[in-house]
Amino acid sequence: MPVISLKAPGRVLLLAAALLALGAAPSLAKEVVLYNASDSVNTALVTAFKKKYPDIEVKFVSGSTGPIAERAIAEKGKPQADVVYLVNHVALDQLKQAGVFEPYQPKGSKIAPAFRDPDDFYNKYFATTMCMVVNKDRLAQKKLPMPTTWEDLIKPAYAKEISLPSPLKSGTGGAILTTFVDAFGWPFVENLNENVYQYSDGGSGGAALAGAGEVAIGLTFDTTCYETKSSGKPVEIVYGRITPNVAEGGGLVAGGPNPAEGKIFLDFMASDEAAEVLGKVVGATAVPGHGLVDLSQITLWQMRRPVDIAAFRREFASRILKQ
């Protein structure tokens, strides 16, 4: 290592210049690590975030909600992620209770109060709302009335005219039927079953049958409802008196490797810019004025009891399907 003498004035100037140059050198690239449970939505959001913050490198791990939440909980002693997001409301509460999240309320948040955790551990960014696709031609052919509430669906007039996703294979079906049990009880689901023509494997199956006129009413989620109608099918979209829904959001990981960048990302997620991106791919955004669904026109059902989806599926199979 060369020794620099401080006796020569010229060398002092050179040393000062060298130190200034070192101080002005660019720092290492910043980064943020995201765990998410929706690859396509994450990609759209990361693209928009990178345009606004090109100096922040974004790394992410995508998967389904269960494994993502389990991984974050397992890593709690040495967190690898800065943000866990795009996981459903059940997982958000699970992560909060497990101590994965630390409180953080984003700066300048545009998120409606109903979508904020009261303790600031997380925010919900959007809700997937459940609705009916009703085939008007089929109703006319069968001389059936237009349903206006979920309660209408147990009327004998709709015998074998309803299709919906199976809760054994579809999260959409699970959200719809667990809400019905929570709001109306198991006898309602038993009566509804009398009118079901088919339980589909996927969330859009009921809408496909209704759109094709094979049944009068298909139960599904919002984006499929609107896609079916916009495709030119003779259908109406009907929201019941209450609205089954699945809300998704995220929070800041306690002790994550890049807390400053994690907060910047969460600030972005609470902005109009993120809501504009979400509004193109989801039904109802937590920031008013975006998305397909006007939340002021519907009533999101808040579950009164915790849902054990595995136990629910077992009871559905036994009680309804007689398996």
C-alpha atoms as a PDB file:
ATOM      1  CA  MET A   1       0.000   0.000   0.000  1.00  0.00           C
ATOM      2  CA  PRO A   2       1.615   3.339  -0.996  1.00  0.00           C
ATOM      3  CA  VAL A   3       2.339   5.837   1.756  1.00  0.00           C
ATOM      4  CA  ILE A   4       1.244   9.392   1.054  1.00  0.00           C
ATOM      5  CA  SER A   5       3.280  12.143   2.688  1.00  0.00           C
ATOM      6  CA  LEU A   6       1.249  15.001   4.135  1.00  0.00           C
ATOM      7  CA  LYS A   7       4.302  17.336   4.069  1.00  0.00           C
ATOM      8  CA  ALA A   8       4.056  18.238   0.368  1.00  0.00           C
ATOM      9  CA  PRO A   9       1.143  20.675  -0.280  1.00  0.00           C
ATOM     10  CA  GLY A  10       0.557  19.278  -3.773  1.00  0.00           C
ATOM     11  CA  ARG A  11       0.144  15.775  -2.428  1.00  0.00           C
ATOM     12  CA  VAL A  12      -2.321  17.038   0.172  1.00  0.00           C
ATOM     13  CA  LEU A  13      -4.447  18.437  -2.650  1.00  0.00           C
ATOM     14  CA  LEU A  14      -4.251  15.126  -4.519  1.00  0.00           C
ATOM     15  CA  LEU A  15      -5.305  13.225  -1.385  1.00  0.00           C
ATOM     16  CA  ALA A  16      -8.246  15.585  -0.866  1.00  0.00           C
ATOM     17  CA  ALA A  17      -9.317  15.131  -4.482  1.00  0.00           C
ATOM     18  CA  ALA A  18      -9.086  11.348  -4.132  1.00  0.00           C
ATOM     19  CA  LEU A  19     -11.235  11.394  -0.991  1.00  0.00           C
ATOM     20  CA  LEU A  20     -13.808  13.616  -2.665  1.00  0.00           C
ATOM     21  CA  ALA A  21     -13.919  11.239  -5.625  1.00  0.00           C
ATOM     22  CA  LEU A  22     -14.494   8.308  -3.305  1.00  0.00           C
ATOM     23  CA  GLY A  23     -17.280  10.196  -1.538  1.00  0.00           C
ATOM     24  CA  ALA A  24     -18.963  10.978  -4.857  1.00  0.00           C
ATOM     25  CA  ALA A  25     -18.799   7.405  -6.126  1.00  0.00           C
ATOM     26  CA  PRO A  26     -22.210   5.803  -6.672  1.00  0.00           C
ATOM     27  CA  SER A  27     -23.379   3.520  -3.845  1.00  0.00           C
ATOM     28  CA  LEU A  28     -24.262  -0.105  -4.356  1.00  0.00           C
ATOM     29  CA  ALA A  29     -27.588  -0.680  -6.078  1.00  0.00           C
ATOM     30  CA  LYS A  30     -30.600  -0.702  -3.751  1.00  0.00           C
ATOM     31  CA  GLU A  31     -32.952  -3.664  -3.805  1.00  0.00           C
ATOM     32  CA  VAL A  32     -36.250  -4.907  -2.442  1.00  0.00           C
ATOM     33  CA  VAL A  33     -37.290  -8.549  -2.026  1.00  0.00           C
ATOM     34  CA  LEU A  34     -40.969  -9.418  -2.504  1.00  0.00           C
ATOM     35  CA  TYR A  35     -42.837 -12.608  -1.681  1.00  0.00           C
ATOM     36  CA  ASN A  36     -46.120 -12.761  -3.579  1.00  0.00           C
ATOM     37  CA  ALA A  37     -48.969 -15.150  -4.340  1.00  0.00           C
ATOM     38  CA  SER A  38     -50.003 -13.884  -7.777  1.00  0.00           C
ATOM     39  CA  ASP A  39     -47.302 -13.949 -10.428  1.00  0.00           C
ATOM     40  CA  SER A  40     -49.237 -12.126 -13.154  1.00  0.00           C
ATOM     41  CA  VAL A  41     -50.421  -9.300 -10.888  1.00  0.00           C
ATOM     42  CA  ASN A  42     -46.964  -9.017  -9.321  1.00  0.00           C
ATOM     43  CA  THR A  43     -45.366  -8.696 -12.758  1.00  0.00           C
ATOM     44  CA  ALA A  44     -47.659  -5.826 -13.729  1.00  0.00           C
ATOM     45  CA  LEU A  45     -47.005  -4.000 -10.461  1.00  0.00           C
ATOM     46  CA  VAL A  46     -43.226  -4.533 -10.538  1.00  0.00           C
ATOM     47  CA  THR A  47     -43.087  -3.176 -14.085  1.00  0.00           C
ATOM     48  CA  ALA A  48     -44.814   0.028 -12.979  1.00  0.00           C
ATOM     49  CA  PHE A  49     -42.688   0.291  -9.835  1.00  0.00           C
ATOM     50  CA  LYS A  50     -39.464  -0.060 -11.834  1.00  0.00           C
ATOM     51  CA  LYS A  51     -40.494   2.800 -14.098  1.00  0.00           C
ATOM     52  CA  LYS A  52     -40.843   5.050 -11.067  1.00  0.00           C
ATOM     53  CA  TYR A  53     -37.821   3.712  -9.157  1.00  0.00           C
ATOM     54  CA  PRO A  54     -35.326   2.462 -11.764  1.00  0.00           C
ATOM     55  CA  ASP A  55     -32.466   2.483  -9.233  1.00  0.00           C
ATOM     56  CA  ILE A  56     -34.142  -0.136  -7.012  1.00  0.00           C
ATOM     57  CA  GLU A  57     -33.578  -3.719  -8.077  1.00  0.00           C
ATOM     58  CA  VAL A  58     -36.657  -5.867  -7.489  1.00  0.00           C
ATOM     59  CA  LYS A  59     -36.278  -9.516  -6.573  1.00  0.00           C
ATOM     60  CA  PHE A  60     -39.293 -11.691  -5.931  1.00  0.00           C
ATOM     61  CA  VAL A  61     -40.508 -15.164  -5.108  1.00  0.00           C
ATOM     62  CA  SER A  62     -43.924 -16.191  -6.458  1.00  0.00           C
ATOM     63  CA  GLY A  63     -46.137 -19.051  -5.305  1.00  0.00           C
ATOM     64  CA  SER A  64     -49.573 -19.783  -3.926  1.00  0.00           C
ATOM     65  CA  THR A  65     -50.796 -18.177  -0.724  1.00  0.00           C
ATOM     66  CA  GLY A  66     -50.254 -21.142   1.606  1.00  0.00           C
ATOM     67  CA  PRO A  67     -46.613 -21.893   0.760  1.00  0.00           C
ATOM     68  CA  ILE A  68     -45.703 -18.199   0.604  1.00  0.00           C
ATOM     69  CA  ALA A  69     -47.134 -17.546   4.078  1.00  0.00           C
ATOM     70  CA  GLU A  70     -45.513 -20.696   5.475  1.00  0.00           C
ATOM     71  CA  ARG A  71     -42.126 -19.706   4.059  1.00  0.00           C
ATOM     72  CA  ALA A  72     -42.298 -16.218   5.551  1.00  0.00           C
ATOM     73  CA  ILE A  73     -43.261 -17.646   8.965  1.00  0.00           C
ATOM     74  CA  ALA A  74     -40.472 -20.246   8.817  1.00  0.00           C
ATOM     75  CA  GLU A  75     -37.934 -17.489   8.054  1.00  0.00           C
ATOM     76  CA  LYS A  76     -39.110 -15.213  10.864  1.00  0.00           C
ATOM     77  CA  GLY A  77     -35.857 -15.683  12.802  1.00  0.00           C
ATOM     78  CA  LYS A  78     -33.849 -14.530   9.787  1.00  0.00           C
ATOM     79  CA  PRO A  79     -36.195 -12.847   7.279  1.00  0.00           C
ATOM     80  CA  GLN A  80     -35.283 -13.000   3.608  1.00  0.00           C
ATOM     81  CA  ALA A  81     -38.178 -10.877   2.272  1.00  0.00           C
ATOM     82  CA  ASP A  82     -38.920  -7.185   2.765  1.00  0.00           C
ATOM     83  CA  VAL A  83     -42.583  -7.382   1.761  1.00  0.00           C
ATOM     84  CA  VAL A  84     -45.113 -10.205   1.641  1.00  0.00           C
ATOM     85  CA  TYR A  85     -48.071  -9.225  -0.521  1.00  0.00           C
ATOM     86  CA  LEU A  86     -50.845 -10.399  -2.859  1.00  0.00           C
ATOM     87  CA  VAL A  87     -51.884 -12.952  -0.241  1.00  0.00           C
ATOM     88  CA  ASN A  88     -55.488 -13.312   0.909  1.00  0.00           C
ATOM     89  CA  HIS A  89     -57.004 -11.848   4.070  1.00  0.00           C
ATOM     90  CA  VAL A  90     -56.767 -15.150   5.944  1.00  0.00           C
ATOM     91  CA  ALA A  91     -53.005 -15.278   5.336  1.00  0.00           C
ATOM     92  CA  LEU A  92     -52.621 -11.594   6.240  1.00  0.00           C
ATOM     93  CA  ASP A  93     -54.085 -12.235   9.679  1.00  0.00           C
ATOM     94  CA  GLN A  94     -51.983 -15.400  10.001  1.00  0.00           C
ATOM     95  CA  LEU A  95     -48.785 -13.458   9.213  1.00  0.00           C
ATOM     96  CA  LYS A  96     -49.762 -10.696  11.629  1.00  0.00           C
ATOM     97  CA  GLN A  97     -50.420 -13.128  14.463  1.00  0.00           C
ATOM     98  CA  ALA A  98     -47.177 -15.007  13.761  1.00  0.00           C
ATOM     99  CA  GLY A  99     -45.143 -11.811  14.116  1.00  0.00           C
ATOM    100  CA  VAL A 100     -43.961 -11.702  10.495  1.00  0.00           C
ATOM    101  CA  PHE A 101     -45.246  -8.155   9.925  1.00  0.00           C
ATOM    102  CA  GLU A 102     -44.307  -4.948  11.674  1.00  0.00           C
ATOM    103  CA  PRO A 103     -46.657  -1.944  11.703  1.00  0.00           C
ATOM    104  CA  TYR A 104     -46.277   0.526   8.848  1.00  0.00           C
ATOM    105  CA  GLN A 105     -48.805   2.943   7.418  1.00  0.00           C
ATOM    106  CA  PRO A 106     -47.710   4.058   3.933  1.00  0.00           C
ATOM    107  CA  LYS A 107     -47.074   7.730   3.301  1.00  0.00           C
ATOM    108  CA  GLY A 108     -49.836   9.532   1.432  1.00  0.00           C
ATOM    109  CA  SER A 109     -52.010   6.403   1.397  1.00  0.00           C
ATOM    110  CA  LYS A 110     -55.052   6.501  -0.900  1.00  0.00           C
ATOM    111  CA  ILE A 111     -56.414   3.213   0.452  1.00  0.00           C
ATOM    112  CA  ALA A 112     -59.949   3.381   1.832  1.00  0.00           C
ATOM    113  CA  PRO A 113     -60.138   2.916   5.630  1.00  0.00           C
ATOM    114  CA  ALA A 114     -62.138  -0.310   5.320  1.00  0.00           C
ATOM    115  CA  PHE A 115     -59.098  -1.953   3.671  1.00  0.00           C
ATOM    116  CA  ARG A 116     -56.591  -0.989   6.386  1.00  0.00           C
ATOM    117  CA  ASP A 117     -55.641  -3.164   9.318  1.00  0.00           C
ATOM    118  CA  PRO A 118     -56.632  -1.242  12.466  1.00  0.00           C
ATOM    119  CA  ASP A 119     -53.178  -1.910  13.924  1.00  0.00           C
ATOM    120  CA  ASP A 120     -51.365  -0.913  10.687  1.00  0.00           C
ATOM    121  CA  PHE A 121     -49.730  -4.325  10.186  1.00  0.00           C
ATOM    122  CA  TYR A 122     -51.023  -4.616   6.611  1.00  0.00           C
ATOM    123  CA  ASN A 123     -53.222  -3.068   3.938  1.00  0.00           C
ATOM    124  CA  LYS A 124     -55.563  -4.830   1.552  1.00  0.00           C
ATOM    125  CA  TYR A 125     -55.161  -3.702  -2.059  1.00  0.00           C
ATOM    126  CA  PHE A 126     -58.160  -5.210  -3.781  1.00  0.00           C
ATOM    127  CA  ALA A 127     -61.162  -7.448  -3.336  1.00  0.00           C
ATOM    128  CA  THR A 128     -62.302 -10.198  -5.697  1.00  0.00           C
ATOM    129  CA  THR A 129     -66.077 -10.024  -5.519  1.00  0.00           C
ATOM    130  CA  MET A 130     -68.483 -12.855  -6.318  1.00  0.00           C
ATOM    131  CA  CYS A 131     -71.465 -12.372  -8.599  1.00  0.00           C
ATOM    132  CA  MET A 132     -74.032 -14.103 -10.809  1.00  0.00           C
ATOM    133  CA  VAL A 133     -73.924 -14.382 -14.587  1.00  0.00           C
ATOM    134  CA  VAL A 134     -77.591 -14.671 -15.594  1.00  0.00           C
ATOM    135  CA  ASN A 135     -78.546 -15.723 -19.125  1.00  0.00           C
ATOM    136  CA  LYS A 136     -81.537 -13.595 -20.175  1.00  0.00           C
ATOM    137  CA  ASP A 137     -82.447 -15.821 -23.117  1.00  0.00           C
ATOM    138  CA  ARG A 138     -82.552 -18.899 -20.889  1.00  0.00           C
ATOM    139  CA  LEU A 139     -84.745 -17.078 -18.370  1.00  0.00           C
ATOM    140  CA  ALA A 140     -87.178 -16.090 -21.111  1.00  0.00           C
ATOM    141  CA  GLN A 141     -87.212 -19.607 -22.564  1.00  0.00           C
ATOM    142  CA  LYS A 142     -87.930 -21.147 -19.144  1.00  0.00           C
ATOM    143  CA  LYS A 143     -90.207 -18.279 -18.055  1.00  0.00           C
ATOM    144  CA  LEU A 144     -88.060 -17.645 -14.982  1.00  0.00           C
ATOM    145  CA  PRO A 145     -87.762 -14.365 -13.030  1.00  0.00           C
ATOM    146  CA  MET A 146     -84.499 -12.456 -12.845  1.00  0.00           C
ATOM    147  CA  PRO A 147     -82.847 -13.244  -9.470  1.00  0.00           C
ATOM    148  CA  THR A 148     -81.924 -10.215  -7.385  1.00  0.00           C
ATOM    149  CA  THR A 149     -80.554 -11.788  -4.190  1.00  0.00           C
ATOM    150  CA  TRP A 150     -78.683 -14.956  -3.249  1.00  0.00           C
ATOM    151  CA  GLU A 151     -81.760 -16.024  -1.322  1.00  0.00           C
ATOM    152  CA  ASP A 152     -83.674 -16.222  -4.592  1.00  0.00           C
ATOM    153  CA  LEU A 153     -81.442 -19.086  -5.717  1.00  0.00           C
ATOM    154  CA  ILE A 154     -83.062 -21.627  -3.405  1.00  0.00           C
ATOM    155  CA  LYS A 155     -86.507 -21.104  -4.965  1.00  0.00           C
ATOM    156  CA  PRO A 156     -87.852 -24.312  -6.602  1.00  0.00           C
ATOM    157  CA  ALA A 157     -88.279 -22.425  -9.903  1.00  0.00           C
ATOM    158  CA  TYR A 158     -84.494 -22.575 -10.435  1.00  0.00           C
ATOM    159  CA  ALA A 159     -84.233 -26.369 -10.133  1.00  0.00           C
ATOM    160  CA  LYS A 160     -81.107 -27.569 -11.998  1.00  0.00           C
ATOM    161  CA  GLU A 161     -80.604 -24.076 -13.453  1.00  0.00           C
ATOM    162  CA  ILE A 162     -77.545 -23.105 -11.374  1.00  0.00           C
ATOM    163  CA  SER A 163     -73.858 -23.901 -11.764  1.00  0.00           C
ATOM    164  CA  LEU A 164     -71.020 -22.829  -9.473  1.00  0.00           C
ATOM    165  CA  PRO A 165     -67.426 -23.816  -8.699  1.00  0.00           C
ATOM    166  CA  SER A 166     -66.821 -26.740  -6.401  1.00  0.00           C
ATOM    167  CA  PRO A 167     -65.339 -25.603  -3.073  1.00  0.00           C
ATOM    168  CA  LEU A 168     -63.285 -28.823  -3.123  1.00  0.00           C
ATOM    169  CA  LYS A 169     -61.326 -27.605  -6.152  1.00  0.00           C
ATOM    170  CA  SER A 170     -61.825 -23.855  -6.420  1.00  0.00           C
ATOM    171  CA  GLY A 171     -61.039 -20.952  -4.131  1.00  0.00           C
ATOM    172  CA  THR A 172     -63.913 -19.067  -5.734  1.00  0.00           C
ATOM    173  CA  GLY A 173     -66.318 -21.851  -4.825  1.00  0.00           C
ATOM    174  CA  GLY A 174     -64.915 -21.911  -1.314  1.00  0.00           C
ATOM    175  CA  ALA A 175     -65.378 -18.150  -0.892  1.00  0.00           C
ATOM    176  CA  ILE A 176     -68.968 -18.260  -2.147  1.00  0.00           C
ATOM    177  CA  LEU A 177     -70.124 -21.217  -0.088  1.00  0.00           C
ATOM    178  CA  THR A 178     -68.306 -20.392   3.149  1.00  0.00           C
ATOM    179  CA  THR A 179     -69.984 -16.983   2.978  1.00  0.00           C
ATOM    180  CA  PHE A 180     -73.375 -18.620   2.474  1.00  0.00           C
ATOM    181  CA  VAL A 181     -72.793 -20.820   5.516  1.00  0.00           C
ATOM    182  CA  ASP A 182     -71.593 -17.848   7.571  1.00  0.00           C
ATOM    183  CA  ALA A 183     -74.539 -15.667   6.554  1.00  0.00           C
ATOM    184  CA  PHE A 184     -77.383 -18.178   6.146  1.00  0.00           C
ATOM    185  CA  GLY A 185     -76.240 -21.503   7.629  1.00  0.00           C
ATOM    186  CA  TRP A 186     -75.807 -25.011   6.206  1.00  0.00           C
ATOM    187  CA  PRO A 187     -79.547 -25.519   5.482  1.00  0.00           C
ATOM    188  CA  PHE A 188     -79.308 -22.757   2.871  1.00  0.00           C
ATOM    189  CA  VAL A 189     -76.470 -24.580   1.087  1.00  0.00           C
ATOM    190  CA  GLU A 190     -78.445 -27.836   1.265  1.00  0.00           C
ATOM    191  CA  ASN A 191     -81.418 -26.128  -0.375  1.00  0.00           C
ATOM    192  CA  LEU A 192     -79.181 -24.472  -2.969  1.00  0.00           C
ATOM    193  CA  ASN A 193     -77.703 -27.873  -3.815  1.00  0.00           C
ATOM    194  CA  GLU A 194     -81.183 -29.033  -4.889  1.00  0.00           C
ATOM    195  CA  ASN A 195     -81.029 -26.440  -7.697  1.00  0.00           C
ATOM    196  CA  VAL A 196     -77.409 -27.058  -8.776  1.00  0.00           C
ATOM    197  CA  TYR A 197     -76.924 -28.584 -12.201  1.00  0.00           C
ATOM    198  CA  GLN A 198     -73.142 -28.850 -11.922  1.00  0.00           C
ATOM    199  CA  TYR A 199     -70.212 -27.981  -9.675  1.00  0.00           C
ATOM    200  CA  SER A 200     -67.324 -26.938 -11.914  1.00  0.00           C
ATOM    201  CA  ASP A 201     -63.636 -27.604 -11.250  1.00  0.00           C
ATOM    202  CA  GLY A 202     -62.544 -24.020 -11.932  1.00  0.00           C
ATOM    203  CA  GLY A 203     -63.783 -20.623 -10.819  1.00  0.00           C
ATOM    204  CA  SER A 204     -65.127 -19.683 -14.258  1.00  0.00           C
ATOM    205  CA  GLY A 205     -66.949 -22.915 -15.046  1.00  0.00           C
ATOM    206  CA  GLY A 206     -70.372 -21.777 -13.858  1.00  0.00           C
ATOM    207  CA  ALA A 207     -70.161 -18.597 -15.906  1.00  0.00           C
ATOM    208  CA  ALA A 208     -69.195 -20.579 -19.013  1.00  0.00           C
ATOM    209  CA  LEU A 209     -72.326 -22.741 -18.730  1.00  0.00           C
ATOM    210  CA  ALA A 210     -74.537 -19.715 -18.149  1.00  0.00           C
ATOM    211  CA  GLY A 211     -72.943 -17.831 -21.019  1.00  0.00           C
ATOM    212  CA  ALA A 212     -73.590 -20.778 -23.332  1.00  0.00           C
ATOM    213  CA  GLY A 213     -77.208 -21.007 -22.177  1.00  0.00           C
ATOM    214  CA  GLU A 214     -76.854 -24.480 -20.667  1.00  0.00           C
ATOM    215  CA  VAL A 215     -78.032 -23.105 -17.322  1.00  0.00           C
ATOM    216  CA  ALA A 216     -79.730 -19.874 -16.387  1.00  0.00           C
ATOM    217  CA  ILE A 217     -77.372 -18.805 -13.598  1.00  0.00           C
ATOM    218  CA  GLY A 218     -73.628 -19.201 -13.109  1.00  0.00           C
ATOM    219  CA  LEU A 219     -71.843 -18.114  -9.951  1.00  0.00           C
ATOM    220  CA  THR A 220     -68.303 -16.833 -10.367  1.00  0.00           C
ATOM    221  CA  PHE A 221     -65.953 -13.909  -9.666  1.00  0.00           C
ATOM    222  CA  ASP A 222     -66.095 -10.350 -10.948  1.00  0.00           C
ATOM    223  CA  THR A 223     -63.594 -10.308 -13.813  1.00  0.00           C
ATOM    224  CA  THR A 224     -65.161 -13.428 -15.327  1.00  0.00           C
ATOM    225  CA  CYS A 225     -68.626 -11.875 -14.966  1.00  0.00           C
ATOM    226  CA  TYR A 226     -67.537  -8.803 -16.905  1.00  0.00           C
ATOM    227  CA  GLU A 227     -65.564 -10.771 -19.494  1.00  0.00           C
ATOM    228  CA  THR A 228     -68.601 -12.974 -20.182  1.00  0.00           C
ATOM    229  CA  LYS A 229     -70.842  -9.968 -20.698  1.00  0.00           C
ATOM    230  CA  SER A 230     -68.319  -8.014 -22.788  1.00  0.00           C
ATOM    231  CA  SER A 231     -67.891 -11.033 -25.081  1.00  0.00           C
ATOM    232  CA  GLY A 232     -71.427 -10.446 -26.342  1.00  0.00           C
ATOM    233  CA  LYS A 233     -73.220 -13.208 -24.459  1.00  0.00           C
ATOM    234  CA  PRO A 234     -76.891 -12.409 -23.598  1.00  0.00           C
ATOM    235  CA  VAL A 235     -76.196 -12.109 -19.878  1.00  0.00           C
ATOM    236  CA  GLU A 236     -76.702  -9.740 -16.977  1.00  0.00           C
ATOM    237  CA  ILE A 237     -74.387  -9.366 -13.988  1.00  0.00           C
ATOM    238  CA  VAL A 238     -76.224  -9.595 -10.685  1.00  0.00           C
ATOM    239  CA  TYR A 239     -74.806  -8.926  -7.229  1.00  0.00           C
ATOM    240  CA  GLY A 240     -76.745 -10.422  -4.349  1.00  0.00           C
ATOM    241  CA  ARG A 241     -77.848  -8.517  -1.273  1.00  0.00           C
ATOM    242  CA  ILE A 242     -74.449  -9.260   0.270  1.00  0.00           C
ATOM    243  CA  THR A 243     -71.235  -9.916  -1.603  1.00  0.00           C
ATOM    244  CA  PRO A 244     -68.914 -12.851  -0.918  1.00  0.00           C
ATOM    245  CA  ASN A 245     -65.361 -11.699  -1.491  1.00  0.00           C
ATOM    246  CA  VAL A 246     -61.688 -12.450  -1.074  1.00  0.00           C
ATOM    247  CA  ALA A 247     -59.463  -9.475  -0.232  1.00  0.00           C
ATOM    248  CA  GLU A 248     -55.711  -9.509  -0.869  1.00  0.00           C
ATOM    249  CA  GLY A 249     -52.962  -7.288   0.437  1.00  0.00           C
ATOM    250  CA  GLY A 250     -49.552  -7.135   2.058  1.00  0.00           C
ATOM    251  CA  GLY A 251     -47.296  -5.767   4.752  1.00  0.00           C
ATOM    252  CA  LEU A 252     -43.739  -4.945   5.804  1.00  0.00           C
ATOM    253  CA  VAL A 253     -41.671  -7.871   7.065  1.00  0.00           C
ATOM    254  CA  ALA A 254     -40.216  -7.241  10.523  1.00  0.00           C
ATOM    255  CA  GLY A 255     -36.426  -7.308  10.347  1.00  0.00           C
ATOM    256  CA  GLY A 256     -36.339  -7.624   6.556  1.00  0.00           C
ATOM    257  CA  PRO A 257     -32.993  -6.987   4.834  1.00  0.00           C
ATOM    258  CA  ASN A 258     -34.044  -3.757   3.081  1.00  0.00           C
ATOM    259  CA  PRO A 259     -36.576  -1.926   5.270  1.00  0.00           C
ATOM    260  CA  ALA A 260     -36.222   1.469   3.560  1.00  0.00           C
ATOM    261  CA  GLU A 261     -36.882  -0.012   0.128  1.00  0.00           C
ATOM    262  CA  GLY A 262     -39.689  -2.150   1.548  1.00  0.00           C
ATOM    263  CA  LYS A 263     -41.414   1.004   2.795  1.00  0.00           C
ATOM    264  CA  ILE A 264     -40.945   2.686  -0.576  1.00  0.00           C
ATOM    265  CA  PHE A 265     -42.640  -0.267  -2.244  1.00  0.00           C
ATOM    266  CA  LEU A 266     -45.543  -0.181   0.228  1.00  0.00           C
ATOM    267  CA  ASP A 267     -45.900   3.577  -0.339  1.00  0.00           C
ATOM    268  CA  PHE A 268     -46.207   2.808  -4.036  1.00  0.00           C
ATOM    269  CA  MET A 269     -48.799   0.080  -3.390  1.00  0.00           C
ATOM    270  CA  ALA A 270     -50.970   2.602  -1.524  1.00  0.00           C
ATOM    271  CA  SER A 271     -50.897   5.091  -4.402  1.00  0.00           C
ATOM    272  CA  ASP A 272     -53.196   5.902  -7.309  1.00  0.00           C
ATOM    273  CA  GLU A 273     -50.455   4.649  -9.639  1.00  0.00           C
ATOM    274  CA  ALA A 274     -50.588   1.108  -8.254  1.00  0.00           C
ATOM    275  CA  ALA A 275     -54.393   1.207  -8.132  1.00  0.00           C
ATOM    276  CA  GLU A 276     -54.451   2.139 -11.823  1.00  0.00           C
ATOM    277  CA  VAL A 277     -52.365  -0.949 -12.612  1.00  0.00           C
ATOM    278  CA  LEU A 278     -54.529  -3.160 -10.383  1.00  0.00           C
ATOM    279  CA  GLY A 279     -57.707  -1.734 -11.878  1.00  0.00           C
ATOM    280  CA  LYS A 280     -56.851  -3.380 -15.186  1.00  0.00           C
ATOM    281  CA  VAL A 281     -56.434  -6.880 -13.766  1.00  0.00           C
ATOM    282  CA  VAL A 282     -58.716  -7.131 -10.695  1.00  0.00           C
ATOM    283  CA  GLY A 283     -62.329  -6.406  -9.887  1.00  0.00           C
ATOM    284  CA  ALA A 284     -62.419  -3.914  -7.010  1.00  0.00           C
ATOM    285  CA  THR A 285     -59.453  -1.830  -5.864  1.00  0.00           C
ATOM    286  CA  ALA A 286     -58.989  -0.492  -2.343  1.00  0.00           C
ATOM    287  CA  VAL A 287     -58.258   2.936  -3.810  1.00  0.00           C
ATOM    288  CA  PRO A 288     -61.589   4.399  -4.962  1.00  0.00           C
ATOM    289  CA  GLY A 289     -62.028   5.238  -8.630  1.00  0.00           C
ATOM    290  CA  HIS A 290     -60.293   2.219 -10.149  1.00  0.00           C
ATOM    291  CA  GLY A 291     -61.309  -1.285 -11.191  1.00  0.00           C
ATOM    292  CA  LEU A 292     -64.428  -2.849 -12.677  1.00  0.00           C
ATOM    293  CA  VAL A 293     -66.529  -2.850  -9.523  1.00  0.00           C
ATOM    294  CA  ASP A 294     -67.918   0.206  -7.756  1.00  0.00           C
ATOM    295  CA  LEU A 295     -67.669  -0.742  -4.092  1.00  0.00           C
ATOM    296  CA  SER A 296     -70.126   1.991  -3.127  1.00  0.00           C
ATOM    297  CA  GLN A 297     -72.845  -0.012  -4.889  1.00  0.00           C
ATOM    298  CA  ILE A 298     -72.337  -3.351  -3.120  1.00  0.00           C
ATOM    299  CA  THR A 299     -71.960  -4.625   0.438  1.00  0.00           C
ATOM    300  CA  LEU A 300     -68.839  -6.692   1.050  1.00  0.00           C
ATOM    301  CA  TRP A 301     -69.607  -9.473   3.511  1.00  0.00           C
ATOM    302  CA  GLN A 302     -67.317  -9.519   6.544  1.00  0.00           C
ATOM    303  CA  MET A 303     -67.031 -13.080   7.847  1.00  0.00           C
ATOM    304  CA  ARG A 304     -68.408 -13.429  11.375  1.00  0.00           C
ATOM    305  CA  ARG A 305     -66.490 -16.615  12.145  1.00  0.00           C
ATOM    306  CA  PRO A 306     -62.976 -17.822  11.251  1.00  0.00           C
ATOM    307  CA  VAL A 307     -62.948 -20.284   8.348  1.00  0.00           C
ATOM    308  CA  ASP A 308     -61.128 -23.604   8.522  1.00  0.00           C
ATOM    309  CA  ILE A 309     -61.269 -24.361   4.804  1.00  0.00           C
ATOM    310  CA  ALA A 310     -60.076 -27.958   5.203  1.00  0.00           C
ATOM    311  CA  ALA A 311     -62.820 -28.667   7.740  1.00  0.00           C
ATOM    312  CA  PHE A 312     -65.360 -26.893   5.548  1.00  0.00           C
ATOM    313  CA  ARG A 313     -64.439 -29.029   2.547  1.00  0.00           C
ATOM    314  CA  ARG A 314     -64.797 -32.205   4.574  1.00  0.00           C
ATOM    315  CA  GLU A 315     -68.239 -31.167   5.768  1.00  0.00           C
ATOM    316  CA  PHE A 316     -69.314 -30.091   2.275  1.00  0.00           C
ATOM    317  CA  ALA A 317     -68.238 -33.439   0.842  1.00  0.00           C
ATOM    318  CA  SER A 318     -70.100 -35.316   3.552  1.00  0.00           C
ATOM    319  CA  ARG A 319     -73.203 -33.168   3.988  1.00  0.00           C
ATOM    320  CA  ILE A 320     -73.800 -31.967   0.425  1.00  0.00           C
ATOM    321  CA  LEU A 321     -72.087 -34.445  -1.904  1.00  0.00           C
ATOM    322  CA  LYS A 322     -72.753 -37.448   0.391  1.00  0.00           C
ATOM    323  CA  GLN A 323     -69.178 -38.641  -0.030  1.00  0.00           C
END
